[in-house]
Each structure stands twice: as C-alpha cells, then as structure tokens.
Amino acid sequence: MHILAIILQSWLLFSMAFFGGSKIVGAKHQVELFDSIKLPQWFRVITGYVQIVACIGLIVGYWYAGIAAWTALLVGVMMLLACLTHFRVKHPIGKIFPAILNLLIAAAVVLLYADELSNLFG
C-alpha cells in the first residue's frame, strides 16, 4: 500500500510541477485556457505558484505522510474547482480530463494517508 501511495504522490508532484510551471511562464495553451474560462491572467500566475507550493508539500510528504495528506487535499480542492470552472464554460471532456484525473489521484492519496491527517510531522 505504501508503494501505491508514493507512486500516486509522485504523479501529483510531476503533474503540479508541469502545469504550475507552464502557468507561471505563460505557456500559450495556459494563456488561452484562462482566456477561455474567463479568468484574468494574474490568476493564472497565482494558480501556478499555488501548484508549485503543492509540489514542495508533496516532496516533504515523502518523509512526513501527514504533509502529503494535507497537500493532496489542497490539490484535490484545486482540481475540484478546476473541474467546476471547466463545466461552467462547457468545455469538452478532453479539456476537463486532466483535472478529473488529478482530482481522483489526490483523493486516493488522501485516503491512503488518512490516518496521518492529524499527525503532520510524526
């Protein structure tokens, strides 16, 4: 079970690094995405930095499972909001799929580390 949690945690880490980094540097597809969901570009940058902070939490979470659980909860909330935003503007499922997948993976990490939620650094 521990190996599965590490694999899923690593998926979230690389996903947040990729999507967060592309938001911060202003990748064309991210700029167009935020235009299509009618959110300002400054919010794209803030979202990218929050995703990079989540990366840091996921890295620390390799040693402290409580941090991984709380960080996965943060990622899950971000992905739920992303899904709702995509649904609001009626994007096709292909554009929503990464957020749905990351939401499910984040939920799995939270469930796998659920007993550690009250024990951040133990």
PDB file of N, CA and C in Angstrom:
ATOM      1  N   MET A   1       0.827  -1.197   0.000  1.00  0.00           N
ATOM      2  CA  MET A   1       0.000   0.000   0.000  1.00  0.00           C
ATOM      3  C   MET A   1       0.868   1.257   0.000  1.00  0.00           C
ATOM      4  N   HIS A   2       1.975   1.218   0.714  1.00  0.00           N
ATOM      5  CA  HIS A   2       2.853   2.375   0.792  1.00  0.00           C
ATOM      6  C   HIS A   2       3.443   2.709  -0.581  1.00  0.00           C
ATOM      7  N   ILE A   3       3.779   1.705  -1.357  1.00  0.00           N
ATOM      8  CA  ILE A   3       4.343   1.929  -2.691  1.00  0.00           C
ATOM      9  C   ILE A   3       3.315   2.602  -3.595  1.00  0.00           C
ATOM     10  N   LEU A   4       2.063   2.167  -3.512  1.00  0.00           N
ATOM     11  CA  LEU A   4       0.999   2.788  -4.300  1.00  0.00           C
ATOM     12  C   LEU A   4       0.855   4.265  -3.947  1.00  0.00           C
ATOM     13  N   ALA A   5       0.883   4.578  -2.661  1.00  0.00           N
ATOM     14  CA  ALA A   5       0.773   5.973  -2.225  1.00  0.00           C
ATOM     15  C   ALA A   5       1.921   6.806  -2.786  1.00  0.00           C
ATOM     16  N   ILE A   6       3.133   6.274  -2.775  1.00  0.00           N
ATOM     17  CA  ILE A   6       4.291   7.008  -3.292  1.00  0.00           C
ATOM     18  C   ILE A   6       4.169   7.218  -4.803  1.00  0.00           C
ATOM     19  N   ILE A   7       3.693   6.203  -5.515  1.00  0.00           N
ATOM     20  CA  ILE A   7       3.514   6.345  -6.964  1.00  0.00           C
ATOM     21  C   ILE A   7       2.484   7.433  -7.270  1.00  0.00           C
ATOM     22  N   LEU A   8       1.352   7.397  -6.569  1.00  0.00           N
ATOM     23  CA  LEU A   8       0.305   8.404  -6.811  1.00  0.00           C
ATOM     24  C   LEU A   8       0.764   9.793  -6.383  1.00  0.00           C
ATOM     25  N   GLN A   9       1.467   9.867  -5.270  1.00  0.00           N
ATOM     26  CA  GLN A   9       2.020  11.140  -4.797  1.00  0.00           C
ATOM     27  C   GLN A   9       3.001  11.701  -5.825  1.00  0.00           C
ATOM     28  N   SER A  10       3.819  10.842  -6.405  1.00  0.00           N
ATOM     29  CA  SER A  10       4.778  11.275  -7.430  1.00  0.00           C
ATOM     30  C   SER A  10       4.066  11.766  -8.680  1.00  0.00           C
ATOM     31  N   TRP A  11       2.973  11.087  -9.051  1.00  0.00           N
ATOM     32  CA  TRP A  11       2.173  11.550 -10.193  1.00  0.00           C
ATOM     33  C   TRP A  11       1.705  12.986  -9.942  1.00  0.00           C
ATOM     34  N   LEU A  12       1.138  13.214  -8.748  1.00  0.00           N
ATOM     35  CA  LEU A  12       0.662  14.565  -8.426  1.00  0.00           C
ATOM     36  C   LEU A  12       1.806  15.570  -8.446  1.00  0.00           C
ATOM     37  N   LEU A  13       2.949  15.178  -7.911  1.00  0.00           N
ATOM     38  CA  LEU A  13       4.115  16.064  -7.882  1.00  0.00           C
ATOM     39  C   LEU A  13       4.500  16.501  -9.288  1.00  0.00           C
ATOM     40  N   PHE A  14       4.660  15.545 -10.198  1.00  0.00           N
ATOM     41  CA  PHE A  14       5.074  15.894 -11.557  1.00  0.00           C
ATOM     42  C   PHE A  14       3.972  16.639 -12.303  1.00  0.00           C
ATOM     43  N   SER A  15       2.737  16.284 -12.056  1.00  0.00           N
ATOM     44  CA  SER A  15       1.625  16.973 -12.710  1.00  0.00           C
ATOM     45  C   SER A  15       1.545  18.430 -12.261  1.00  0.00           C
ATOM     46  N   MET A  16       1.645  18.651 -10.947  1.00  0.00           N
ATOM     47  CA  MET A  16       1.588  20.024 -10.426  1.00  0.00           C
ATOM     48  C   MET A  16       2.801  20.825 -10.892  1.00  0.00           C
ATOM     49  N   ALA A  17       3.968  20.192 -10.964  1.00  0.00           N
ATOM     50  CA  ALA A  17       5.165  20.890 -11.444  1.00  0.00           C
ATOM     51  C   ALA A  17       4.997  21.297 -12.902  1.00  0.00           C
ATOM     52  N   PHE A  18       4.492  20.374 -13.721  1.00  0.00           N
ATOM     53  CA  PHE A  18       4.310  20.674 -15.141  1.00  0.00           C
ATOM     54  C   PHE A  18       3.265  21.770 -15.349  1.00  0.00           C
ATOM     55  N   PHE A  19       2.080  21.578 -14.791  1.00  0.00           N
ATOM     56  CA  PHE A  19       1.010  22.546 -15.017  1.00  0.00           C
ATOM     57  C   PHE A  19       1.276  23.866 -14.298  1.00  0.00           C
ATOM     58  N   GLY A  20       1.828  23.803 -13.086  1.00  0.00           N
ATOM     59  CA  GLY A  20       2.152  25.037 -12.367  1.00  0.00           C
ATOM     60  C   GLY A  20       3.232  25.834 -13.076  1.00  0.00           C
ATOM     61  N   GLY A  21       4.283  25.132 -13.503  1.00  0.00           N
ATOM     62  CA  GLY A  21       5.361  25.810 -14.224  1.00  0.00           C
ATOM     63  C   GLY A  21       4.893  26.425 -15.525  1.00  0.00           C
ATOM     64  N   SER A  22       4.042  25.704 -16.255  1.00  0.00           N
ATOM     65  CA  SER A  22       3.563  26.252 -17.534  1.00  0.00           C
ATOM     66  C   SER A  22       2.646  27.453 -17.314  1.00  0.00           C
ATOM     67  N   LYS A  23       1.955  27.480 -16.188  1.00  0.00           N
ATOM     68  CA  LYS A  23       1.133  28.669 -15.877  1.00  0.00           C
ATOM     69  C   LYS A  23       2.018  29.866 -15.554  1.00  0.00           C
ATOM     70  N   ILE A  24       3.050  29.632 -14.758  1.00  0.00           N
ATOM     71  CA  ILE A  24       3.925  30.731 -14.342  1.00  0.00           C
ATOM     72  C   ILE A  24       4.666  31.339 -15.525  1.00  0.00           C
ATOM     73  N   VAL A  25       5.199  30.498 -16.415  1.00  0.00           N
ATOM     74  CA  VAL A  25       5.970  31.030 -17.541  1.00  0.00           C
ATOM     75  C   VAL A  25       5.079  31.557 -18.661  1.00  0.00           C
ATOM     76  N   GLY A  26       3.776  31.347 -18.563  1.00  0.00           N
ATOM     77  CA  GLY A  26       2.860  31.888 -19.561  1.00  0.00           C
ATOM     78  C   GLY A  26       2.816  31.088 -20.846  1.00  0.00           C
ATOM     79  N   ALA A  27       2.845  29.763 -20.720  1.00  0.00           N
ATOM     80  CA  ALA A  27       2.743  28.915 -21.914  1.00  0.00           C
ATOM     81  C   ALA A  27       1.463  29.260 -22.677  1.00  0.00           C
ATOM     82  N   LYS A  28       1.565  29.228 -23.983  1.00  0.00           N
ATOM     83  CA  LYS A  28       0.460  29.664 -24.840  1.00  0.00           C
ATOM     84  C   LYS A  28      -0.842  28.944 -24.500  1.00  0.00           C
ATOM     85  N   HIS A  29      -0.783  27.613 -24.299  1.00  0.00           N
ATOM     86  CA  HIS A  29      -2.015  26.877 -24.017  1.00  0.00           C
ATOM     87  C   HIS A  29      -2.631  27.277 -22.677  1.00  0.00           C
ATOM     88  N   GLN A  30      -1.800  27.677 -21.709  1.00  0.00           N
ATOM     89  CA  GLN A  30      -2.333  28.125 -20.423  1.00  0.00           C
ATOM     90  C   GLN A  30      -2.972  29.513 -20.534  1.00  0.00           C
ATOM     91  N   VAL A  31      -2.332  30.389 -21.284  1.00  0.00           N
ATOM     92  CA  VAL A  31      -2.900  31.727 -21.504  1.00  0.00           C
ATOM     93  C   VAL A  31      -4.249  31.602 -22.205  1.00  0.00           C
ATOM     94  N   GLU A  32      -4.301  30.772 -23.236  1.00  0.00           N
ATOM     95  CA  GLU A  32      -5.561  30.572 -23.971  1.00  0.00           C
ATOM     96  C   GLU A  32      -6.616  29.918 -23.085  1.00  0.00           C
ATOM     97  N   LEU A  33      -6.192  28.980 -22.235  1.00  0.00           N
ATOM     98  CA  LEU A  33      -7.137  28.318 -21.334  1.00  0.00           C
ATOM     99  C   LEU A  33      -7.769  29.326 -20.385  1.00  0.00           C
ATOM    100  N   PHE A  34      -6.967  30.175 -19.777  1.00  0.00           N
ATOM    101  CA  PHE A  34      -7.509  31.153 -18.833  1.00  0.00           C
ATOM    102  C   PHE A  34      -8.373  32.193 -19.540  1.00  0.00           C
ATOM    103  N   ASP A  35      -8.047  32.503 -20.793  1.00  0.00           N
ATOM    104  CA  ASP A  35      -8.942  33.366 -21.575  1.00  0.00           C
ATOM    105  C   ASP A  35     -10.279  32.676 -21.805  1.00  0.00           C
ATOM    106  N   SER A  36     -10.238  31.380 -22.127  1.00  0.00           N
ATOM    107  CA  SER A  36     -11.480  30.668 -22.438  1.00  0.00           C
ATOM    108  C   SER A  36     -12.359  30.449 -21.204  1.00  0.00           C
ATOM    109  N   ILE A  37     -11.741  30.364 -20.024  1.00  0.00           N
ATOM    110  CA  ILE A  37     -12.559  30.196 -18.817  1.00  0.00           C
ATOM    111  C   ILE A  37     -12.878  31.539 -18.163  1.00  0.00           C
ATOM    112  N   LYS A  38     -12.489  32.605 -18.849  1.00  0.00           N
ATOM    113  CA  LYS A  38     -12.828  33.972 -18.447  1.00  0.00           C
ATOM    114  C   LYS A  38     -12.288  34.342 -17.056  1.00  0.00           C
ATOM    115  N   LEU A  39     -11.034  33.957 -16.836  1.00  0.00           N
ATOM    116  CA  LEU A  39     -10.339  34.357 -15.617  1.00  0.00           C
ATOM    117  C   LEU A  39      -9.136  35.211 -16.010  1.00  0.00           C
ATOM    118  N   PRO A  40      -8.793  36.197 -15.174  1.00  0.00           N
ATOM    119  CA  PRO A  40      -7.685  37.090 -15.535  1.00  0.00           C
ATOM    120  C   PRO A  40      -6.339  36.366 -15.512  1.00  0.00           C
ATOM    121  N   GLN A  41      -5.402  36.899 -16.275  1.00  0.00           N
ATOM    122  CA  GLN A  41      -4.090  36.275 -16.396  1.00  0.00           C
ATOM    123  C   GLN A  41      -3.304  36.315 -15.086  1.00  0.00           C
ATOM    124  N   TRP A  42      -3.530  37.302 -14.234  1.00  0.00           N
ATOM    125  CA  TRP A  42      -2.836  37.323 -12.958  1.00  0.00           C
ATOM    126  C   TRP A  42      -3.259  36.123 -12.103  1.00  0.00           C
ATOM    127  N   PHE A  43      -4.487  35.663 -12.278  1.00  0.00           N
ATOM    128  CA  PHE A  43      -4.966  34.498 -11.530  1.00  0.00           C
ATOM    129  C   PHE A  43      -4.269  33.224 -12.021  1.00  0.00           C
ATOM    130  N   ARG A  44      -3.913  33.196 -13.298  1.00  0.00           N
ATOM    131  CA  ARG A  44      -3.140  32.077 -13.854  1.00  0.00           C
ATOM    132  C   ARG A  44      -1.802  31.964 -13.143  1.00  0.00           C
ATOM    133  N   VAL A  45      -1.142  33.095 -12.945  1.00  0.00           N
ATOM    134  CA  VAL A  45       0.172  33.103 -12.296  1.00  0.00           C
ATOM    135  C   VAL A  45       0.042  32.679 -10.827  1.00  0.00           C
ATOM    136  N   ILE A  46      -0.955  33.216 -10.132  1.00  0.00           N
ATOM    137  CA  ILE A  46      -1.174  32.840  -8.731  1.00  0.00           C
ATOM    138  C   ILE A  46      -1.451  31.343  -8.625  1.00  0.00           C
ATOM    139  N   THR A  47      -2.287  30.835  -9.518  1.00  0.00           N
ATOM    140  CA  THR A  47      -2.604  29.408  -9.529  1.00  0.00           C
ATOM    141  C   THR A  47      -1.334  28.587  -9.747  1.00  0.00           C
ATOM    142  N   GLY A  48      -0.481  29.031 -10.642  1.00  0.00           N
ATOM    143  CA  GLY A  48       0.784  28.338 -10.882  1.00  0.00           C
ATOM    144  C   GLY A  48       1.648  28.289  -9.639  1.00  0.00           C
ATOM    145  N   TYR A  49       1.738  29.403  -8.916  1.00  0.00           N
ATOM    146  CA  TYR A  49       2.540  29.418  -7.696  1.00  0.00           C
ATOM    147  C   TYR A  49       1.941  28.519  -6.617  1.00  0.00           C
ATOM    148  N   VAL A  50       0.629  28.479  -6.514  1.00  0.00           N
ATOM    149  CA  VAL A  50      -0.006  27.568  -5.551  1.00  0.00           C
ATOM    150  C   VAL A  50       0.322  26.122  -5.916  1.00  0.00           C
ATOM    151  N   GLN A  51       0.339  25.814  -7.201  1.00  0.00           N
ATOM    152  CA  GLN A  51       0.689  24.459  -7.616  1.00  0.00           C
ATOM    153  C   GLN A  51       2.147  24.138  -7.302  1.00  0.00           C
ATOM    154  N   ILE A  52       3.038  25.103  -7.413  1.00  0.00           N
ATOM    155  CA  ILE A  52       4.446  24.877  -7.067  1.00  0.00           C
ATOM    156  C   ILE A  52       4.600  24.694  -5.561  1.00  0.00           C
ATOM    157  N   VAL A  53       3.833  25.438  -4.763  1.00  0.00           N
ATOM    158  CA  VAL A  53       3.836  25.231  -3.314  1.00  0.00           C
ATOM    159  C   VAL A  53       3.360  23.809  -2.995  1.00  0.00           C
ATOM    160  N   ALA A  54       2.350  23.348  -3.737  1.00  0.00           N
ATOM    161  CA  ALA A  54       1.877  21.972  -3.559  1.00  0.00           C
ATOM    162  C   ALA A  54       3.002  20.978  -3.877  1.00  0.00           C
ATOM    163  N   CYS A  55       3.820  21.273  -4.870  1.00  0.00           N
ATOM    164  CA  CYS A  55       4.962  20.407  -5.183  1.00  0.00           C
ATOM    165  C   CYS A  55       5.893  20.288  -3.982  1.00  0.00           C
ATOM    166  N   ILE A  56       6.157  21.411  -3.354  1.00  0.00           N
ATOM    167  CA  ILE A  56       7.035  21.403  -2.180  1.00  0.00           C
ATOM    168  C   ILE A  56       6.425  20.543  -1.079  1.00  0.00           C
ATOM    169  N   GLY A  57       5.117  20.699  -0.855  1.00  0.00           N
ATOM    170  CA  GLY A  57       4.436  19.880   0.145  1.00  0.00           C
ATOM    171  C   GLY A  57       4.483  18.406  -0.187  1.00  0.00           C
ATOM    172  N   LEU A  58       4.348  18.078  -1.460  1.00  0.00           N
ATOM    173  CA  LEU A  58       4.409  16.669  -1.866  1.00  0.00           C
ATOM    174  C   LEU A  58       5.812  16.094  -1.696  1.00  0.00           C
ATOM    175  N   ILE A  59       6.832  16.906  -1.933  1.00  0.00           N
ATOM    176  CA  ILE A  59       8.207  16.441  -1.710  1.00  0.00           C
ATOM    177  C   ILE A  59       8.446  16.192  -0.222  1.00  0.00           C
ATOM    178  N   VAL A  60       8.063  17.144   0.624  1.00  0.00           N
ATOM    179  CA  VAL A  60       8.211  16.964   2.070  1.00  0.00           C
ATOM    180  C   VAL A  60       7.394  15.757   2.527  1.00  0.00           C
ATOM    181  N   GLY A  61       6.281  15.519   1.843  1.00  0.00           N
ATOM    182  CA  GLY A  61       5.405  14.406   2.178  1.00  0.00           C
ATOM    183  C   GLY A  61       6.027  13.035   2.002  1.00  0.00           C
ATOM    184  N   TYR A  62       7.130  12.939   1.280  1.00  0.00           N
ATOM    185  CA  TYR A  62       7.817  11.651   1.199  1.00  0.00           C
ATOM    186  C   TYR A  62       8.360  11.235   2.570  1.00  0.00           C
ATOM    187  N   TRP A  63       8.697  12.199   3.396  1.00  0.00           N
ATOM    188  CA  TRP A  63       9.203  11.917   4.730  1.00  0.00           C
ATOM    189  C   TRP A  63       8.126  12.038   5.803  1.00  0.00           C
ATOM    190  N   TYR A  64       7.145  12.905   5.569  1.00  0.00           N
ATOM    191  CA  TYR A  64       6.077  13.134   6.546  1.00  0.00           C
ATOM    192  C   TYR A  64       4.728  12.923   5.851  1.00  0.00           C
ATOM    193  N   ALA A  65       4.134  11.768   6.089  1.00  0.00           N
ATOM    194  CA  ALA A  65       2.900  11.399   5.391  1.00  0.00           C
ATOM    195  C   ALA A  65       1.756  12.370   5.685  1.00  0.00           C
ATOM    196  N   GLY A  66       1.746  12.975   6.855  1.00  0.00           N
ATOM    197  CA  GLY A  66       0.704  13.951   7.181  1.00  0.00           C
ATOM    198  C   GLY A  66       0.739  15.150   6.244  1.00  0.00           C
ATOM    199  N   ILE A  67       1.928  15.602   5.916  1.00  0.00           N
ATOM    200  CA  ILE A  67       2.087  16.714   4.969  1.00  0.00           C
ATOM    201  C   ILE A  67       1.592  16.287   3.588  1.00  0.00           C
ATOM    202  N   ALA A  68       1.909  15.061   3.186  1.00  0.00           N
ATOM    203  CA  ALA A  68       1.435  14.558   1.895  1.00  0.00           C
ATOM    204  C   ALA A  68      -0.088  14.524   1.860  1.00  0.00           C
ATOM    205  N   ALA A  69      -0.698  14.089   2.953  1.00  0.00           N
ATOM    206  CA  ALA A  69      -2.164  14.009   3.010  1.00  0.00           C
ATOM    207  C   ALA A  69      -2.794  15.392   2.885  1.00  0.00           C
ATOM    208  N   TRP A  70      -2.286  16.343   3.639  1.00  0.00           N
ATOM    209  CA  TRP A  70      -2.850  17.696   3.585  1.00  0.00           C
ATOM    210  C   TRP A  70      -2.595  18.360   2.231  1.00  0.00           C
ATOM    211  N   THR A  71      -1.428  18.114   1.667  1.00  0.00           N
ATOM    212  CA  THR A  71      -1.121  18.677   0.350  1.00  0.00           C
ATOM    213  C   THR A  71      -2.005  18.059  -0.722  1.00  0.00           C
ATOM    214  N   ALA A  72      -2.235  16.756  -0.636  1.00  0.00           N
ATOM    215  CA  ALA A  72      -3.140  16.099  -1.587  1.00  0.00           C
ATOM    216  C   ALA A  72      -4.557  16.656  -1.440  1.00  0.00           C
ATOM    217  N   LEU A  73      -4.948  16.988  -0.218  1.00  0.00           N
ATOM    218  CA  LEU A  73      -6.259  17.616  -0.007  1.00  0.00           C
ATOM    219  C   LEU A  73      -6.315  18.978  -0.700  1.00  0.00           C
ATOM    220  N   LEU A  74      -5.237  19.755  -0.587  1.00  0.00           N
ATOM    221  CA  LEU A  74      -5.150  21.040  -1.289  1.00  0.00           C
ATOM    222  C   LEU A  74      -5.250  20.836  -2.793  1.00  0.00           C
ATOM    223  N   VAL A  75      -4.514  19.879  -3.328  1.00  0.00           N
ATOM    224  CA  VAL A  75      -4.556  19.594  -4.766  1.00  0.00           C
ATOM    225  C   VAL A  75      -5.965  19.160  -5.174  1.00  0.00           C
ATOM    226  N   GLY A  76      -6.584  18.336  -4.345  1.00  0.00           N
ATOM    227  CA  GLY A  76      -7.941  17.889  -4.634  1.00  0.00           C
ATOM    228  C   GLY A  76      -8.931  19.041  -4.710  1.00  0.00           C
ATOM    229  N   VAL A  77      -8.813  19.983  -3.795  1.00  0.00           N
ATOM    230  CA  VAL A  77      -9.701  21.164  -3.821  1.00  0.00           C
ATOM    231  C   VAL A  77      -9.434  21.987  -5.080  1.00  0.00           C
ATOM    232  N   MET A  78      -8.142  22.174  -5.419  1.00  0.00           N
ATOM    233  CA  MET A  78      -7.816  22.918  -6.642  1.00  0.00           C
ATOM    234  C   MET A  78      -8.398  22.237  -7.873  1.00  0.00           C
ATOM    235  N   MET A  79      -8.287  20.916  -7.929  1.00  0.00           N
ATOM    236  CA  MET A  79      -8.784  20.179  -9.100  1.00  0.00           C
ATOM    237  C   MET A  79     -10.316  20.166  -9.152  1.00  0.00           C
ATOM    238  N   LEU A  80     -10.963  20.123  -7.992  1.00  0.00           N
ATOM    239  CA  LEU A  80     -12.424  20.219  -7.969  1.00  0.00           C
ATOM    240  C   LEU A  80     -12.867  21.574  -8.506  1.00  0.00           C
ATOM    241  N   LEU A  81     -12.195  22.631  -8.076  1.00  0.00           N
ATOM    242  CA  LEU A  81     -12.519  23.971  -8.584  1.00  0.00           C
ATOM    243  C   LEU A  81     -12.225  24.079 -10.076  1.00  0.00           C
ATOM    244  N   ALA A  82     -11.142  23.442 -10.521  1.00  0.00           N
ATOM    245  CA  ALA A  82     -10.823  23.443 -11.952  1.00  0.00           C
ATOM    246  C   ALA A  82     -11.922  22.740 -12.741  1.00  0.00           C
ATOM    247  N   CYS A  83     -12.370  21.594 -12.246  1.00  0.00           N
ATOM    248  CA  CYS A  83     -13.458  20.862 -12.926  1.00  0.00           C
ATOM    249  C   CYS A  83     -14.713  21.724 -13.012  1.00  0.00           C
ATOM    250  N   LEU A  84     -15.081  22.335 -11.899  1.00  0.00           N
ATOM    251  CA  LEU A  84     -16.285  23.175 -11.882  1.00  0.00           C
ATOM    252  C   LEU A  84     -16.162  24.350 -12.843  1.00  0.00           C
ATOM    253  N   THR A  85     -14.962  24.919 -12.920  1.00  0.00           N
ATOM    254  CA  THR A  85     -14.730  26.032 -13.838  1.00  0.00           C
ATOM    255  C   THR A  85     -14.861  25.573 -15.285  1.00  0.00           C
ATOM    256  N   HIS A  86     -14.294  24.430 -15.598  1.00  0.00           N
ATOM    257  CA  HIS A  86     -14.415  23.884 -16.959  1.00  0.00           C
ATOM    258  C   HIS A  86     -15.879  23.583 -17.293  1.00  0.00           C
ATOM    259  N   PHE A  87     -16.599  23.002 -16.342  1.00  0.00           N
ATOM    260  CA  PHE A  87     -18.018  22.704 -16.572  1.00  0.00           C
ATOM    261  C   PHE A  87     -18.818  23.991 -16.792  1.00  0.00           C
ATOM    262  N   ARG A  88     -18.444  25.049 -16.036  1.00  0.00           N
ATOM    263  CA  ARG A  88     -19.161  26.331 -16.133  1.00  0.00           C
ATOM    264  C   ARG A  88     -19.110  26.893 -17.550  1.00  0.00           C
ATOM    265  N   VAL A  89     -17.973  26.739 -18.209  1.00  0.00           N
ATOM    266  CA  VAL A  89     -17.836  27.280 -19.566  1.00  0.00           C
ATOM    267  C   VAL A  89     -18.064  26.224 -20.641  1.00  0.00           C
ATOM    268  N   LYS A  90     -18.528  25.039 -20.204  1.00  0.00           N
ATOM    269  CA  LYS A  90     -18.914  23.960 -21.125  1.00  0.00           C
ATOM    270  C   LYS A  90     -17.779  23.475 -22.022  1.00  0.00           C
ATOM    271  N   HIS A  91     -16.613  23.272 -21.411  1.00  0.00           N
ATOM    272  CA  HIS A  91     -15.502  22.701 -22.155  1.00  0.00           C
ATOM    273  C   HIS A  91     -15.773  21.226 -22.449  1.00  0.00           C
ATOM    274  N   PRO A  92     -15.203  20.710 -23.527  1.00  0.00           N
ATOM    275  CA  PRO A  92     -15.349  19.268 -23.808  1.00  0.00           C
ATOM    276  C   PRO A  92     -14.572  18.455 -22.776  1.00  0.00           C
ATOM    277  N   ILE A  93     -14.941  17.199 -22.652  1.00  0.00           N
ATOM    278  CA  ILE A  93     -14.342  16.322 -21.638  1.00  0.00           C
ATOM    279  C   ILE A  93     -12.825  16.202 -21.803  1.00  0.00           C
ATOM    280  N   GLY A  94     -12.337  16.338 -23.022  1.00  0.00           N
ATOM    281  CA  GLY A  94     -10.896  16.264 -23.258  1.00  0.00           C
ATOM    282  C   GLY A  94     -10.127  17.339 -22.513  1.00  0.00           C
ATOM    283  N   LYS A  95     -10.708  18.515 -22.369  1.00  0.00           N
ATOM    284  CA  LYS A  95     -10.048  19.601 -21.636  1.00  0.00           C
ATOM    285  C   LYS A  95     -10.220  19.435 -20.128  1.00  0.00           C
ATOM    286  N   ILE A  96     -11.261  18.734 -19.721  1.00  0.00           N
ATOM    287  CA  ILE A  96     -11.547  18.564 -18.297  1.00  0.00           C
ATOM    288  C   ILE A  96     -10.813  17.348 -17.723  1.00  0.00           C
ATOM    289  N   PHE A  97     -10.471  16.397 -18.585  1.00  0.00           N
ATOM    290  CA  PHE A  97      -9.918  15.124 -18.132  1.00  0.00           C
ATOM    291  C   PHE A  97      -8.707  15.245 -17.207  1.00  0.00           C
ATOM    292  N   PRO A  98      -7.703  16.094 -17.501  1.00  0.00           N
ATOM    293  CA  PRO A  98      -6.556  16.173 -16.579  1.00  0.00           C
ATOM    294  C   PRO A  98      -6.962  16.581 -15.163  1.00  0.00           C
ATOM    295  N   ALA A  99      -7.904  17.503 -15.054  1.00  0.00           N
ATOM    296  CA  ALA A  99      -8.356  17.928 -13.726  1.00  0.00           C
ATOM    297  C   ALA A  99      -9.107  16.799 -13.019  1.00  0.00           C
ATOM    298  N   ILE A 100      -9.936  16.067 -13.761  1.00  0.00           N
ATOM    299  CA  ILE A 100     -10.669  14.944 -13.167  1.00  0.00           C
ATOM    300  C   ILE A 100      -9.690  13.867 -12.703  1.00  0.00           C
ATOM    301  N   LEU A 101      -8.731  13.531 -13.544  1.00  0.00           N
ATOM    302  CA  LEU A 101      -7.746  12.505 -13.196  1.00  0.00           C
ATOM    303  C   LEU A 101      -6.954  12.900 -11.958  1.00  0.00           C
ATOM    304  N   ASN A 102      -6.479  14.143 -11.917  1.00  0.00           N
ATOM    305  CA  ASN A 102      -5.714  14.601 -10.754  1.00  0.00           C
ATOM    306  C   ASN A 102      -6.584  14.686  -9.504  1.00  0.00           C
ATOM    307  N   LEU A 103      -7.851  15.005  -9.664  1.00  0.00           N
ATOM    308  CA  LEU A 103      -8.777  15.008  -8.523  1.00  0.00           C
ATOM    309  C   LEU A 103      -8.898  13.603  -7.944  1.00  0.00           C
ATOM    310  N   LEU A 104      -9.069  12.616  -8.803  1.00  0.00           N
ATOM    311  CA  LEU A 104      -9.194  11.231  -8.342  1.00  0.00           C
ATOM    312  C   LEU A 104      -7.904  10.735  -7.691  1.00  0.00           C
ATOM    313  N   ILE A 105      -6.770  11.083  -8.274  1.00  0.00           N
ATOM    314  CA  ILE A 105      -5.483  10.662  -7.702  1.00  0.00           C
ATOM    315  C   ILE A 105      -5.250  11.353  -6.357  1.00  0.00           C
ATOM    316  N   ALA A 106      -5.581  12.631  -6.264  1.00  0.00           N
ATOM    317  CA  ALA A 106      -5.430  13.349  -4.994  1.00  0.00           C
ATOM    318  C   ALA A 106      -6.327  12.724  -3.917  1.00  0.00           C
ATOM    319  N   ALA A 107      -7.549  12.377  -4.301  1.00  0.00           N
ATOM    320  CA  ALA A 107      -8.458  11.730  -3.345  1.00  0.00           C
ATOM    321  C   ALA A 107      -7.887  10.401  -2.874  1.00  0.00           C
ATOM    322  N   ALA A 108      -7.283   9.647  -3.782  1.00  0.00           N
ATOM    323  CA  ALA A 108      -6.673   8.365  -3.413  1.00  0.00           C
ATOM    324  C   ALA A 108      -5.525   8.570  -2.434  1.00  0.00           C
ATOM    325  N   VAL A 109      -4.700   9.588  -2.670  1.00  0.00           N
ATOM    326  CA  VAL A 109      -3.580   9.860  -1.758  1.00  0.00           C
ATOM    327  C   VAL A 109      -4.107  10.252  -0.385  1.00  0.00           C
ATOM    328  N   VAL A 110      -5.131  11.086  -0.346  1.00  0.00           N
ATOM    329  CA  VAL A 110      -5.719  11.471   0.943  1.00  0.00           C
ATOM    330  C   VAL A 110      -6.240  10.229   1.666  1.00  0.00           C
ATOM    331  N   LEU A 111      -6.923   9.359   0.945  1.00  0.00           N
ATOM    332  CA  LEU A 111      -7.458   8.141   1.569  1.00  0.00           C
ATOM    333  C   LEU A 111      -6.344   7.211   2.051  1.00  0.00           C
ATOM    334  N   LEU A 112      -5.290   7.079   1.261  1.00  0.00           N
ATOM    335  CA  LEU A 112      -4.185   6.209   1.654  1.00  0.00           C
ATOM    336  C   LEU A 112      -3.433   6.732   2.881  1.00  0.00           C
ATOM    337  N   TYR A 113      -3.402   8.048   3.041  1.00  0.00           N
ATOM    338  CA  TYR A 113      -2.722   8.660   4.181  1.00  0.00           C
ATOM    339  C   TYR A 113      -3.706   9.231   5.200  1.00  0.00           C
ATOM    340  N   ALA A 114      -4.957   8.803   5.170  1.00  0.00           N
ATOM    341  CA  ALA A 114      -5.993   9.387   6.024  1.00  0.00           C
ATOM    342  C   ALA A 114      -5.641   9.326   7.502  1.00  0.00           C
ATOM    343  N   ASP A 115      -5.011   8.248   7.925  1.00  0.00           N
ATOM    344  CA  ASP A 115      -4.659   8.123   9.338  1.00  0.00           C
ATOM    345  C   ASP A 115      -3.557   9.090   9.757  1.00  0.00           C
ATOM    346  N   GLU A 116      -2.904   9.725   8.800  1.00  0.00           N
ATOM    347  CA  GLU A 116      -1.816  10.674   9.092  1.00  0.00           C
ATOM    348  C   GLU A 116      -2.270  12.134   9.079  1.00  0.00           C
ATOM    349  N   LEU A 117      -3.532  12.391   8.775  1.00  0.00           N
ATOM    350  CA  LEU A 117      -4.012  13.770   8.679  1.00  0.00           C
ATOM    351  C   LEU A 117      -3.846  14.533   9.999  1.00  0.00           C
ATOM    352  N   SER A 118      -3.958  13.854  11.110  1.00  0.00           N
ATOM    353  CA  SER A 118      -3.827  14.522  12.402  1.00  0.00           C
ATOM    354  C   SER A 118      -2.385  14.524  12.912  1.00  0.00           C
ATOM    355  N   ASN A 119      -1.480  13.946  12.142  1.00  0.00           N
ATOM    356  CA  ASN A 119      -0.102  13.778  12.594  1.00  0.00           C
ATOM    357  C   ASN A 119       0.836  14.338  11.525  1.00  0.00           C
ATOM    358  N   LEU A 120       1.008  15.651  11.509  1.00  0.00           N
ATOM    359  CA  LEU A 120       1.776  16.274  10.437  1.00  0.00           C
ATOM    360  C   LEU A 120       3.226  15.828  10.383  1.00  0.00           C
ATOM    361  N   PHE A 121       3.945  15.911  11.477  1.00  0.00           N
ATOM    362  CA  PHE A 121       5.391  15.655  11.451  1.00  0.00           C
ATOM    363  C   PHE A 121       5.786  14.440  12.278  1.00  0.00           C
ATOM    364  N   GLY A 122       4.856  13.493  12.432  1.00  0.00           N
ATOM    365  CA  GLY A 122       5.157  12.345  13.289  1.00  0.00           C
ATOM    366  C   GLY A 122       5.584  11.117  12.556  1.00  0.00           C
TER     367      GLY A 122
END
